[in-house]
N, C-alpha and C. Protein backbone atom coordinates (compact mmCIF):
# COMPACT_ATOMS: atom_id res chain seq x y z
N MET A 1 0.88 -1.25 -0.07
CA MET A 1 -0.25 0.04 0.11
C MET A 1 0.94 1.33 -0.03
N ILE A 2 0.63 2.27 -0.84
CA ILE A 2 1.27 3.18 -0.82
C ILE A 2 1.76 4.45 0.38
N VAL A 3 0.57 4.52 1.50
CA VAL A 3 0.85 5.08 2.46
C VAL A 3 1.53 4.52 3.41
N ASP A 4 2.11 3.01 3.22
CA ASP A 4 2.69 2.37 4.14
C ASP A 4 3.82 2.65 3.59
N LYS A 5 4.31 2.52 2.53
CA LYS A 5 5.67 2.54 1.80
C LYS A 5 6.02 3.79 2.13
N ALA A 6 5.46 5.10 2.13
CA ALA A 6 5.55 6.35 2.75
C ALA A 6 6.31 6.61 3.69
N ASN A 7 5.49 5.80 4.42
CA ASN A 7 5.71 5.97 6.31
C ASN A 7 6.91 5.29 6.46
N ALA A 8 7.32 4.11 5.92
CA ALA A 8 8.40 3.61 5.78
C ALA A 8 9.51 4.28 5.31
N ALA A 9 9.20 5.20 4.53
CA ALA A 9 10.63 5.76 3.68
C ALA A 9 10.71 7.34 4.91
N LEU A 10 9.81 7.24 5.29
CA LEU A 10 10.02 8.57 6.46
C LEU A 10 10.37 8.09 7.42
N ASP A 11 10.05 6.71 7.88
CA ASP A 11 10.94 6.40 9.31
C ASP A 11 12.37 6.32 8.64
N SER A 12 12.81 5.70 7.46
CA SER A 12 14.45 5.51 7.16
C SER A 12 14.94 7.05 7.11
N VAL A 13 14.36 8.32 6.74
CA VAL A 13 15.02 9.22 6.75
C VAL A 13 15.29 9.82 8.01
N TYR A 14 14.17 9.49 9.06
CA TYR A 14 14.30 10.61 10.28
C TYR A 14 15.00 9.69 10.97
N ALA A 15 15.32 8.23 10.84
CA ALA A 15 16.34 7.57 11.52
C ALA A 15 18.09 7.64 11.14
N ALA A 16 18.26 8.18 10.13
CA ALA A 16 19.56 8.86 9.68
C ALA A 16 20.11 9.61 10.40
N ASP A 17 21.40 8.96 10.76
CA ASP A 17 22.04 9.48 11.83
C ASP A 17 23.58 10.04 11.08
N THR A 18 23.58 10.05 10.13
CA THR A 18 24.70 10.74 9.50
C THR A 18 24.63 11.33 8.46
N PRO A 19 25.04 12.64 7.41
CA PRO A 19 24.64 12.79 6.20
C PRO A 19 24.62 11.74 5.57
N GLU A 20 25.81 11.05 5.41
CA GLU A 20 25.68 9.81 4.58
C GLU A 20 24.63 8.82 4.31
N ALA A 21 24.28 8.83 5.53
CA ALA A 21 23.19 7.77 5.66
C ALA A 21 21.58 8.53 5.07
N LEU A 22 21.58 9.82 5.65
CA LEU A 22 20.60 10.61 4.96
C LEU A 22 20.42 10.61 3.57
N ALA A 23 21.58 10.90 2.77
CA ALA A 23 21.95 11.03 1.21
C ALA A 23 21.43 9.68 0.91
N ASP A 24 21.84 8.51 1.35
CA ASP A 24 21.34 7.01 0.79
C ASP A 24 20.04 6.76 0.91
N ALA A 25 19.15 7.33 2.15
CA ALA A 25 17.96 7.32 2.29
C ALA A 25 17.35 7.87 1.35
N TYR A 26 17.53 9.35 0.78
CA TYR A 26 16.91 9.93 -0.02
C TYR A 26 17.20 9.39 -1.75
N ALA A 27 18.37 8.68 -1.83
CA ALA A 27 18.68 8.20 -2.98
C ALA A 27 17.72 6.86 -2.98
N ALA A 28 17.50 6.22 -2.00
CA ALA A 28 16.77 5.02 -2.24
C ALA A 28 15.32 5.68 -2.34
N TRP A 29 15.13 6.83 -2.26
CA TRP A 29 13.27 6.98 -2.01
C TRP A 29 13.02 7.81 -3.14
N ALA A 30 14.01 8.48 -3.90
CA ALA A 30 13.87 9.68 -4.60
C ALA A 30 12.74 9.31 -5.87
N ALA A 31 12.70 8.06 -6.63
CA ALA A 31 12.07 7.46 -7.88
C ALA A 31 10.42 7.64 -7.25
N THR A 32 10.20 7.54 -5.84
CA THR A 32 8.96 6.99 -5.38
C THR A 32 8.46 8.40 -4.67
N TYR A 33 9.26 9.42 -4.56
CA TYR A 33 9.03 10.26 -3.27
C TYR A 33 7.68 11.08 -3.44
N ASP A 34 7.50 11.40 -4.76
CA ASP A 34 6.35 12.48 -5.05
C ASP A 34 4.95 11.61 -5.12
N SER A 35 4.78 10.82 -5.26
CA SER A 35 3.97 9.70 -5.14
C SER A 35 3.55 9.50 -3.95
N GLU A 36 4.49 9.06 -2.98
CA GLU A 36 4.21 8.60 -1.71
C GLU A 36 3.70 9.76 -0.73
N THR A 37 4.59 11.08 -0.83
CA THR A 37 4.66 12.31 -0.26
C THR A 37 2.98 12.40 -0.39
N ALA A 38 2.67 12.63 -1.69
CA ALA A 38 1.34 12.95 -2.16
C ALA A 38 0.07 11.99 -1.56
N SER A 39 0.57 10.92 -1.49
CA SER A 39 -0.32 10.12 -0.54
C SER A 39 -0.63 10.47 1.00
N LEU A 40 0.20 11.07 1.34
CA LEU A 40 0.04 11.32 2.87
C LEU A 40 -0.47 12.83 2.82
N GLY A 41 -0.56 13.80 1.88
CA GLY A 41 -1.10 14.73 1.65
C GLY A 41 -0.26 15.78 2.30
N TYR A 42 1.10 15.52 1.75
CA TYR A 42 1.99 16.58 2.15
C TYR A 42 1.92 17.86 1.48
N LEU A 43 2.07 19.04 2.32
CA LEU A 43 1.47 20.19 1.75
C LEU A 43 2.47 21.11 1.61
N LEU A 44 3.45 20.98 2.70
CA LEU A 44 4.79 21.95 2.86
C LEU A 44 5.06 22.62 1.12
N PRO A 45 5.79 21.61 0.42
CA PRO A 45 6.32 22.38 -0.76
C PRO A 45 5.26 23.25 -1.78
N PHE A 46 3.72 23.52 -1.66
CA PHE A 46 2.80 23.94 -2.08
C PHE A 46 2.37 25.12 -1.32
N LEU A 47 2.57 25.24 -0.41
CA LEU A 47 1.64 26.16 0.99
C LEU A 47 2.90 27.12 1.37
N ILE A 48 4.26 26.57 1.17
CA ILE A 48 5.23 27.50 1.31
C ILE A 48 5.31 28.81 -0.04
N THR A 49 4.68 28.69 -1.14
CA THR A 49 4.59 29.50 -2.03
C THR A 49 3.55 30.97 -1.76
N ALA A 50 2.85 30.71 -0.73
CA ALA A 50 1.78 31.46 -0.56
C ALA A 50 2.62 32.75 0.71
N TRP A 51 3.57 32.13 1.29
CA TRP A 51 4.45 33.26 2.06
C TRP A 51 5.72 33.52 1.21
N VAL A 52 5.79 33.03 0.40
CA VAL A 52 6.90 33.54 -0.79
C VAL A 52 6.18 35.04 -1.55
N ALA A 53 5.22 34.36 -2.11
CA ALA A 53 4.23 35.54 -2.69
C ALA A 53 3.56 36.66 -1.60
N ARG A 54 3.60 36.46 0.00
CA ARG A 54 3.24 37.60 0.71
C ARG A 54 4.36 38.33 1.04
N HIS A 55 5.61 38.09 0.52
CA HIS A 55 6.89 38.81 0.85
C HIS A 55 7.68 39.34 -0.17
N VAL A 56 7.29 38.54 -1.42
CA VAL A 56 8.48 39.02 -2.33
C VAL A 56 8.01 39.11 -3.45
N PRO A 57 7.69 40.34 -4.18
CA PRO A 57 6.80 40.58 -5.22
C PRO A 57 7.46 39.31 -6.54
N ALA A 58 6.31 39.30 -7.14
CA ALA A 58 6.25 38.31 -8.64
C ALA A 58 7.64 39.23 -9.12
N GLY A 59 8.52 38.01 -9.78
CA GLY A 59 9.54 38.33 -10.62
C GLY A 59 11.04 39.13 -9.61
N ASP A 60 10.58 39.16 -8.47
CA ASP A 60 12.28 39.35 -7.95
C ASP A 60 12.50 38.17 -7.66
N GLY A 61 13.88 38.23 -7.84
CA GLY A 61 14.85 37.29 -7.52
C GLY A 61 16.54 37.73 -7.71
N PRO A 62 17.33 36.49 -7.26
CA PRO A 62 17.07 35.55 -7.30
C PRO A 62 16.30 34.98 -6.02
N LEU A 63 15.78 33.67 -6.09
CA LEU A 63 15.17 32.99 -4.80
C LEU A 63 16.12 31.77 -4.69
N LEU A 64 16.19 31.07 -3.41
CA LEU A 64 16.97 29.94 -3.35
C LEU A 64 15.65 28.85 -2.23
N ASP A 65 15.89 28.02 -2.99
CA ASP A 65 15.02 26.61 -2.47
C ASP A 65 16.19 25.64 -1.80
N ALA A 66 16.14 25.89 -0.31
CA ALA A 66 17.12 25.68 -0.04
C ALA A 66 16.40 24.00 0.96
N GLY A 67 16.99 22.81 0.09
CA GLY A 67 16.44 21.34 0.43
C GLY A 67 15.56 21.37 -0.47
N CYS A 68 15.68 21.51 -1.75
CA CYS A 68 14.52 21.50 -2.57
C CYS A 68 14.12 20.06 -3.17
N GLY A 69 14.63 19.32 -2.96
CA GLY A 69 14.60 17.79 -2.90
C GLY A 69 13.97 17.50 -4.48
N THR A 70 12.65 17.06 -4.61
CA THR A 70 12.13 17.00 -6.24
C THR A 70 11.87 17.80 -6.87
N GLY A 71 11.98 18.98 -6.05
CA GLY A 71 11.64 20.35 -6.91
C GLY A 71 9.96 20.63 -6.95
N LEU A 72 9.53 20.32 -5.79
CA LEU A 72 7.78 20.22 -5.87
C LEU A 72 7.63 22.21 -5.86
N SER A 73 8.29 22.57 -4.93
CA SER A 73 7.89 23.95 -4.77
C SER A 73 7.96 24.93 -6.55
N GLY A 74 9.09 24.50 -6.87
CA GLY A 74 9.52 25.11 -8.15
C GLY A 74 8.35 25.33 -9.55
N PRO A 75 7.81 24.74 -9.94
CA PRO A 75 6.93 24.92 -10.86
C PRO A 75 5.55 25.76 -10.46
N SER A 76 5.29 25.56 -9.24
CA SER A 76 4.41 26.29 -8.30
C SER A 76 4.47 27.64 -8.38
N LEU A 77 5.91 27.98 -7.89
CA LEU A 77 6.49 29.42 -7.89
C LEU A 77 6.59 29.93 -9.38
N LYS A 78 6.95 29.02 -10.45
CA LYS A 78 7.36 29.62 -11.45
C LYS A 78 5.98 30.07 -12.18
N ALA A 79 4.84 29.42 -12.14
CA ALA A 79 3.54 29.84 -12.29
C ALA A 79 2.99 31.04 -11.83
N LEU A 80 3.37 31.38 -10.61
CA LEU A 80 3.39 32.47 -10.09
C LEU A 80 3.75 33.83 -10.19
N GLY A 81 4.90 33.59 -11.01
CA GLY A 81 5.93 34.88 -11.93
C GLY A 81 7.35 34.79 -11.37
N TYR A 82 7.71 33.76 -10.65
CA TYR A 82 8.81 33.68 -10.08
C TYR A 82 9.73 32.96 -11.30
N ARG A 83 10.85 33.52 -12.05
CA ARG A 83 11.53 32.86 -12.95
C ARG A 83 12.84 32.18 -12.81
N ASP A 84 13.38 33.20 -11.60
CA ASP A 84 14.94 32.90 -11.37
C ASP A 84 14.56 31.96 -9.79
N ILE A 85 14.94 30.88 -10.02
CA ILE A 85 15.12 30.04 -8.80
C ILE A 85 16.00 29.43 -9.00
N ALA A 86 17.21 29.07 -7.78
CA ALA A 86 18.03 28.34 -7.47
C ALA A 86 17.65 27.21 -6.37
N GLY A 87 18.07 25.94 -6.74
CA GLY A 87 17.62 24.76 -5.95
C GLY A 87 19.23 24.12 -5.32
N LEU A 88 18.89 24.00 -4.15
CA LEU A 88 20.25 23.00 -3.20
C LEU A 88 19.47 21.93 -2.50
N ASP A 89 20.14 20.65 -2.65
CA ASP A 89 19.79 19.64 -2.02
C ASP A 89 20.96 18.58 -1.72
N LEU A 90 21.13 17.81 -0.72
CA LEU A 90 22.36 16.75 -0.81
C LEU A 90 22.15 15.53 -1.41
N SER A 91 21.09 15.55 -2.21
CA SER A 91 20.75 13.99 -2.85
C SER A 91 20.54 14.55 -4.37
N ASP A 92 21.66 13.90 -5.06
CA ASP A 92 22.22 14.05 -6.03
C ASP A 92 20.33 13.47 -7.13
N ASP A 93 19.95 11.87 -6.74
CA ASP A 93 19.25 11.74 -7.02
C ASP A 93 17.74 12.50 -7.31
N MET A 94 17.59 13.29 -6.12
CA MET A 94 16.28 14.27 -6.21
C MET A 94 16.35 15.33 -6.91
N LEU A 95 17.69 15.76 -7.00
CA LEU A 95 18.15 16.97 -7.96
C LEU A 95 17.80 16.80 -9.32
N LYS A 96 18.24 15.64 -9.84
CA LYS A 96 18.15 14.96 -11.44
C LYS A 96 16.52 15.19 -11.72
N ILE A 97 15.73 14.83 -10.64
CA ILE A 97 13.93 14.93 -10.61
C ILE A 97 13.73 16.26 -10.94
N ALA A 98 14.20 17.08 -9.88
CA ALA A 98 14.04 18.74 -9.64
C ALA A 98 14.47 19.16 -11.08
N GLY A 99 15.17 18.73 -11.73
CA GLY A 99 15.98 19.62 -13.06
C GLY A 99 14.90 19.15 -14.08
N SER A 100 14.24 18.34 -13.98
CA SER A 100 13.43 17.95 -14.80
C SER A 100 12.22 18.64 -15.01
N ARG A 101 11.88 19.22 -14.26
CA ARG A 101 10.87 20.03 -14.12
C ARG A 101 10.60 21.43 -14.53
N ASN A 102 12.02 22.00 -14.93
CA ASN A 102 12.26 23.15 -15.73
C ASN A 102 11.64 24.52 -15.05
N ALA A 103 12.13 24.24 -13.71
CA ALA A 103 11.56 25.51 -13.14
C ALA A 103 12.73 26.29 -12.41
N TYR A 104 13.79 25.59 -12.42
CA TYR A 104 15.17 25.85 -11.67
C TYR A 104 15.89 26.80 -12.69
N SER A 105 16.65 27.54 -12.36
CA SER A 105 17.82 28.22 -13.13
C SER A 105 18.97 27.77 -12.80
N GLU A 106 19.10 27.35 -11.70
CA GLU A 106 20.62 26.46 -11.49
C GLU A 106 19.90 25.40 -10.28
N LEU A 107 21.12 24.07 -10.30
CA LEU A 107 20.55 23.34 -9.15
C LEU A 107 22.06 23.03 -8.59
N LYS A 108 22.59 22.98 -7.22
CA LYS A 108 23.30 22.63 -6.79
C LYS A 108 23.14 21.05 -5.60
N GLN A 109 24.45 20.79 -5.47
CA GLN A 109 24.70 19.72 -4.61
C GLN A 109 25.23 20.25 -3.29
N ALA A 110 24.66 20.24 -2.28
CA ALA A 110 25.15 20.61 -0.86
C ALA A 110 24.44 20.41 0.29
N MET A 111 25.27 20.66 1.13
CA MET A 111 24.53 20.04 2.49
C MET A 111 24.48 21.06 3.54
N LEU A 112 23.02 21.35 3.86
CA LEU A 112 22.71 22.61 4.95
C LEU A 112 23.54 22.27 5.96
N GLY A 113 23.96 23.08 6.81
CA GLY A 113 25.06 22.88 7.99
C GLY A 113 26.39 23.41 7.65
N GLY A 114 27.01 22.96 6.34
CA GLY A 114 27.95 23.72 6.00
C GLY A 114 28.22 24.59 5.11
N PRO A 115 29.08 24.70 4.59
CA PRO A 115 29.08 26.00 3.63
C PRO A 115 28.69 25.94 2.08
N LEU A 116 28.03 26.99 1.75
CA LEU A 116 27.15 26.84 0.65
C LEU A 116 27.51 27.56 -0.70
N PRO A 117 27.64 27.27 -1.70
CA PRO A 117 28.47 27.85 -2.82
C PRO A 117 27.81 29.14 -3.28
N TRP A 118 27.56 29.99 -3.03
CA TRP A 118 27.16 31.49 -3.32
C TRP A 118 27.47 32.04 -2.65
N PRO A 119 27.91 33.65 -3.17
CA PRO A 119 28.29 34.67 -2.59
C PRO A 119 27.33 35.41 -1.36
N ASP A 120 27.86 36.19 -1.12
CA ASP A 120 27.42 37.12 -0.29
C ASP A 120 26.18 37.64 -0.54
N GLY A 121 25.14 37.84 0.22
CA GLY A 121 23.87 38.73 -0.48
C GLY A 121 23.48 38.25 -1.59
N HIS A 122 23.58 37.17 -2.18
CA HIS A 122 23.05 36.76 -3.69
C HIS A 122 21.81 36.70 -3.98
N PHE A 123 21.36 36.36 -2.93
CA PHE A 123 19.90 35.85 -2.99
C PHE A 123 18.90 36.75 -2.46
N ARG A 124 17.59 36.82 -3.45
CA ARG A 124 16.68 38.05 -2.85
C ARG A 124 16.07 37.12 -1.40
N ALA A 125 15.96 35.83 -1.16
CA ALA A 125 14.96 35.55 -0.58
C ALA A 125 15.37 33.92 -0.57
N PHE A 126 15.39 33.00 0.63
CA PHE A 126 15.48 31.78 0.67
C PHE A 126 14.29 31.23 1.44
N PHE A 127 13.86 30.29 0.90
CA PHE A 127 12.58 29.46 1.63
C PHE A 127 13.15 27.95 1.33
N SER A 128 12.33 27.20 2.58
CA SER A 128 13.01 26.08 3.00
C SER A 128 11.64 25.26 3.59
N THR A 129 11.57 24.30 3.58
CA THR A 129 10.34 23.44 4.03
C THR A 129 10.65 22.21 3.91
N GLY A 130 10.22 21.30 5.27
CA GLY A 130 10.75 20.06 5.81
C GLY A 130 12.26 19.53 5.71
N VAL A 131 12.78 20.62 5.94
CA VAL A 131 14.56 20.36 6.27
C VAL A 131 14.88 20.70 7.49
N PHE A 132 14.27 21.66 8.24
CA PHE A 132 14.56 21.82 9.29
C PHE A 132 13.65 20.97 10.36
N THR A 133 14.04 19.85 10.46
CA THR A 133 13.10 18.18 10.97
C THR A 133 14.03 17.38 11.58
N ILE A 134 13.40 16.37 11.93
CA ILE A 134 14.05 15.34 12.74
C ILE A 134 15.52 14.59 11.88
N SER A 135 16.63 14.69 12.53
CA SER A 135 17.65 14.04 11.46
C SER A 135 18.20 14.83 10.28
N HIS A 136 17.50 16.03 9.98
CA HIS A 136 18.07 16.88 8.93
C HIS A 136 18.87 17.90 9.36
N ALA A 137 18.55 18.85 8.64
CA ALA A 137 19.72 20.08 8.82
C ALA A 137 19.07 21.03 9.92
N PRO A 138 20.76 21.15 10.79
CA PRO A 138 20.92 22.30 11.91
C PRO A 138 20.19 23.36 12.11
N ALA A 139 20.26 24.10 13.18
CA ALA A 139 19.56 25.34 13.52
C ALA A 139 20.60 25.99 13.02
N SER A 140 21.83 25.88 13.08
CA SER A 140 23.31 26.41 12.55
C SER A 140 23.10 27.02 10.86
N ALA A 141 22.41 26.16 10.46
CA ALA A 141 22.52 26.21 8.88
C ALA A 141 22.05 27.67 8.58
N LEU A 142 21.24 27.93 9.59
CA LEU A 142 20.60 29.45 9.04
C LEU A 142 21.44 30.60 9.00
N HIS A 143 22.67 30.58 9.78
CA HIS A 143 23.86 31.79 9.01
C HIS A 143 24.42 31.49 8.17
N GLU A 144 24.50 30.36 7.39
CA GLU A 144 24.98 30.67 6.10
C GLU A 144 23.75 30.81 5.30
N LEU A 145 22.46 30.49 5.30
CA LEU A 145 21.80 30.98 4.55
C LEU A 145 21.58 32.25 4.32
N VAL A 146 21.44 33.03 5.60
CA VAL A 146 21.21 34.62 6.01
C VAL A 146 22.40 35.15 5.18
N ARG A 147 23.34 34.65 5.38
CA ARG A 147 24.47 35.13 4.76
C ARG A 147 24.38 35.41 3.24
N MET A 148 23.95 34.62 2.68
CA MET A 148 23.87 34.47 1.12
C MET A 148 22.61 35.56 0.59
N THR A 149 21.54 35.86 1.89
CA THR A 149 20.37 36.35 1.32
C THR A 149 21.13 38.36 1.55
N ARG A 150 20.37 38.77 0.55
CA ARG A 150 20.70 40.32 0.45
C ARG A 150 19.95 40.91 1.49
N LYS A 151 20.42 41.96 1.95
CA LYS A 151 19.58 42.96 3.26
C LYS A 151 18.09 43.36 2.57
N GLY A 152 17.46 43.21 3.00
CA GLY A 152 15.99 43.84 2.89
C GLY A 152 15.52 42.55 1.98
N GLY A 153 16.37 41.57 2.12
CA GLY A 153 15.21 40.02 1.63
C GLY A 153 14.89 39.44 2.56
N HIS A 154 14.36 38.22 2.06
CA HIS A 154 13.70 37.40 3.62
C HIS A 154 14.11 36.01 3.50
N ALA A 155 14.18 35.69 4.92
CA ALA A 155 14.17 33.93 5.22
C ALA A 155 13.05 33.74 5.44
N ILE A 156 12.34 32.20 4.59
CA ILE A 156 10.97 31.91 4.99
C ILE A 156 11.16 30.45 5.05
N PHE A 157 10.43 30.00 6.23
CA PHE A 157 11.49 28.45 6.10
C PHE A 157 10.09 27.91 7.40
N THR A 158 10.37 26.45 7.33
CA THR A 158 9.29 25.88 8.03
C THR A 158 10.31 25.06 9.30
N VAL A 159 9.66 24.84 10.34
CA VAL A 159 10.61 24.42 11.45
C VAL A 159 9.63 23.04 12.22
N ARG A 160 9.72 21.81 12.20
CA ARG A 160 9.03 20.70 12.91
C ARG A 160 9.02 20.98 14.46
N ASP A 161 7.61 20.70 14.86
CA ASP A 161 7.56 20.80 16.16
C ASP A 161 8.63 20.11 17.11
N GLN A 162 9.12 18.83 16.92
CA GLN A 162 9.82 18.10 17.78
C GLN A 162 11.36 18.10 17.72
N VAL A 163 12.11 19.16 16.68
CA VAL A 163 13.24 19.40 17.02
C VAL A 163 13.30 21.31 17.39
N PHE A 164 12.24 22.12 17.21
CA PHE A 164 12.21 23.47 17.79
C PHE A 164 13.00 23.54 18.70
N ALA A 165 12.59 23.02 20.08
CA ALA A 165 13.55 23.45 21.23
C ALA A 165 14.64 22.60 21.15
N SER A 166 14.52 21.23 20.85
CA SER A 166 15.84 20.31 21.02
C SER A 166 16.70 20.94 19.93
N GLY A 167 16.12 21.45 19.21
CA GLY A 167 17.37 21.74 18.01
C GLY A 167 17.93 23.30 18.01
N GLY A 168 17.53 24.04 19.17
CA GLY A 168 18.19 25.21 19.70
C GLY A 168 17.66 26.30 18.61
N PHE A 169 16.38 26.23 18.20
CA PHE A 169 16.25 26.91 16.84
C PHE A 169 15.81 28.56 17.76
N GLN A 170 15.40 28.72 18.93
CA GLN A 170 15.02 29.91 19.34
C GLN A 170 16.29 30.79 19.71
N ALA A 171 17.30 29.99 19.94
CA ALA A 171 18.49 30.40 20.54
C ALA A 171 19.45 31.17 19.05
N VAL A 172 19.13 30.40 18.32
CA VAL A 172 19.81 30.61 16.57
C VAL A 172 19.01 32.16 16.31
N PHE A 173 17.57 32.11 16.45
CA PHE A 173 16.76 33.21 16.07
C PHE A 173 17.22 34.46 17.14
N ASP A 174 17.43 34.20 18.12
CA ASP A 174 17.84 35.30 19.09
C ASP A 174 19.12 35.83 19.31
N GLU A 175 20.27 34.83 18.36
CA GLU A 175 21.39 35.51 18.04
C GLU A 175 21.53 35.93 16.87
N LEU A 176 20.54 36.08 15.92
CA LEU A 176 20.60 36.57 14.85
C LEU A 176 20.07 37.73 14.94
N GLU A 177 18.86 38.05 15.84
CA GLU A 177 18.25 39.45 15.74
C GLU A 177 19.09 40.17 16.95
N GLN A 178 19.74 39.89 17.56
CA GLN A 178 20.46 40.72 18.69
C GLN A 178 21.83 41.58 17.97
N ALA A 179 22.25 40.57 16.84
CA ALA A 179 23.43 40.88 15.90
C ALA A 179 22.56 41.83 14.81
N LYS A 180 21.73 42.16 14.87
CA LYS A 180 21.02 42.90 13.69
C LYS A 180 20.79 42.62 12.53
N THR A 181 20.96 41.51 12.59
CA THR A 181 21.10 40.56 10.94
C THR A 181 19.75 40.21 10.46
N TRP A 182 19.18 40.04 11.56
CA TRP A 182 17.84 39.89 10.49
C TRP A 182 16.64 40.73 11.89
N ARG A 183 15.44 40.68 11.19
CA ARG A 183 13.89 40.69 12.27
C ARG A 183 13.26 40.36 11.88
N PRO A 184 12.52 39.61 13.06
CA PRO A 184 11.07 39.04 12.82
C PRO A 184 10.22 39.50 11.82
N VAL A 185 9.43 39.00 11.30
CA VAL A 185 8.35 39.21 10.14
C VAL A 185 6.69 38.87 10.53
N GLU A 186 6.92 37.48 10.55
CA GLU A 186 6.09 36.92 10.52
C GLU A 186 6.34 35.54 10.97
N GLN A 187 5.30 34.90 11.93
CA GLN A 187 5.07 33.27 12.11
C GLN A 187 4.01 32.75 12.00
N SER A 188 3.65 31.39 11.71
CA SER A 188 2.51 31.26 11.63
C SER A 188 2.01 30.58 12.99
N PRO A 189 1.16 29.98 13.33
CA PRO A 189 0.55 28.85 14.36
C PRO A 189 1.17 27.65 13.78
N TRP A 190 1.15 26.90 14.54
CA TRP A 190 1.65 25.07 14.43
C TRP A 190 0.80 24.56 13.71
N PHE A 191 0.81 24.11 12.59
CA PHE A 191 -0.21 23.31 11.60
C PHE A 191 0.24 21.95 11.31
N ARG A 192 -0.37 21.07 10.38
CA ARG A 192 -0.35 19.80 10.15
C ARG A 192 0.20 20.03 8.76
N CYS A 193 1.55 19.29 8.55
CA CYS A 193 2.25 19.12 7.24
C CYS A 193 1.94 18.22 6.38
N TYR A 194 1.12 17.40 6.81
CA TYR A 194 0.17 16.12 5.87
C TYR A 194 -1.16 16.07 6.53
N ALA A 195 -1.87 16.53 5.32
CA ALA A 195 -2.97 16.40 5.38
C ALA A 195 -3.96 15.25 5.46
N ILE A 196 -3.57 14.37 5.21
CA ILE A 196 -3.98 12.96 5.09
C ILE A 196 -3.88 11.94 6.18
N ALA A 197 -2.17 11.97 6.57
CA ALA A 197 -1.83 11.18 7.62
C ALA A 197 -1.11 11.96 8.60
N GLU A 198 -0.31 11.37 9.37
CA GLU A 198 0.67 11.90 10.46
C GLU A 198 0.09 13.00 11.06
N PRO A 199 -1.35 13.19 11.61
CA PRO A 199 -2.29 14.31 12.33
C PRO A 199 -0.98 14.81 13.57
N ASP A 200 -0.41 13.99 13.86
CA ASP A 200 0.60 14.69 14.99
C ASP A 200 1.79 15.47 14.46
N ALA A 201 2.18 15.40 13.29
CA ALA A 201 3.28 15.84 12.47
C ALA A 201 2.81 17.19 12.54
N LEU A 202 3.59 18.18 13.12
CA LEU A 202 3.20 19.87 13.18
C LEU A 202 4.63 20.50 12.86
N VAL A 203 4.31 21.58 12.03
CA VAL A 203 5.60 22.85 11.41
C VAL A 203 4.89 23.77 11.80
N LYS A 204 5.83 24.82 11.97
CA LYS A 204 5.27 26.45 12.08
C LYS A 204 6.44 27.26 10.94
N THR A 205 5.81 27.97 10.16
CA THR A 205 6.44 28.81 9.48
C THR A 205 6.95 30.30 9.91
N PHE A 206 8.19 30.35 9.78
CA PHE A 206 8.78 31.61 10.15
C PHE A 206 9.23 32.55 8.98
N VAL A 207 9.10 33.77 9.13
CA VAL A 207 9.46 34.85 8.24
C VAL A 207 10.51 35.86 8.83
N PHE A 208 11.44 36.01 8.62
CA PHE A 208 12.42 37.30 8.84
C PHE A 208 12.71 38.08 7.62
N GLU A 209 13.29 39.19 7.92
CA GLU A 209 13.60 40.09 7.08
C GLU A 209 15.34 40.30 7.23
N VAL A 210 16.04 40.45 6.59
CA VAL A 210 17.36 40.56 6.28
C VAL A 210 17.63 41.61 6.63
N VAL A 211 18.53 42.28 7.63
CA VAL A 211 18.67 43.83 7.58
C VAL A 211 20.28 44.01 7.42
């Protein structure tokens, strides 16, 4: 059953204890990722476009899809008038699928939490969904993402409830705010990231302006 396969794949990525194990788990999942996450009612790659559209005028760019996976967000943003979107992901297999969507101006393989291959202030905004979650990117990755975002640009991303406190996200938020690197703009209430399954899996969307 497709839902059972999706749940098994989720268990595999959440259980990954090294970047290599996580990359291997996504390599194994890449070919069926879209259909299996759709069976769970996965909302985030599509819902994030609402926050992007609220804070970034159509046509502005470039944007960075940080942890783009198979590129589910790209076509929706392209349809809304965003033409200059870069994507990064740790999985080459996922990036190959993202490239087939003809929605990204460039795609690069990189691991969030380490150095990223763009210069300071390159992006108008970055957005990220499903990345700040169990066994995935650390809160410290926000420093590098903000480095690449220009002043007046936006950081738009979701954080899973299970890692928000344990992962030290509030401490990183406070550090960046106290350093006058960004300021808070908006945050959503906690909401379900799967419309059909996993009713206890909650996320919150955060929006900051880089200053």
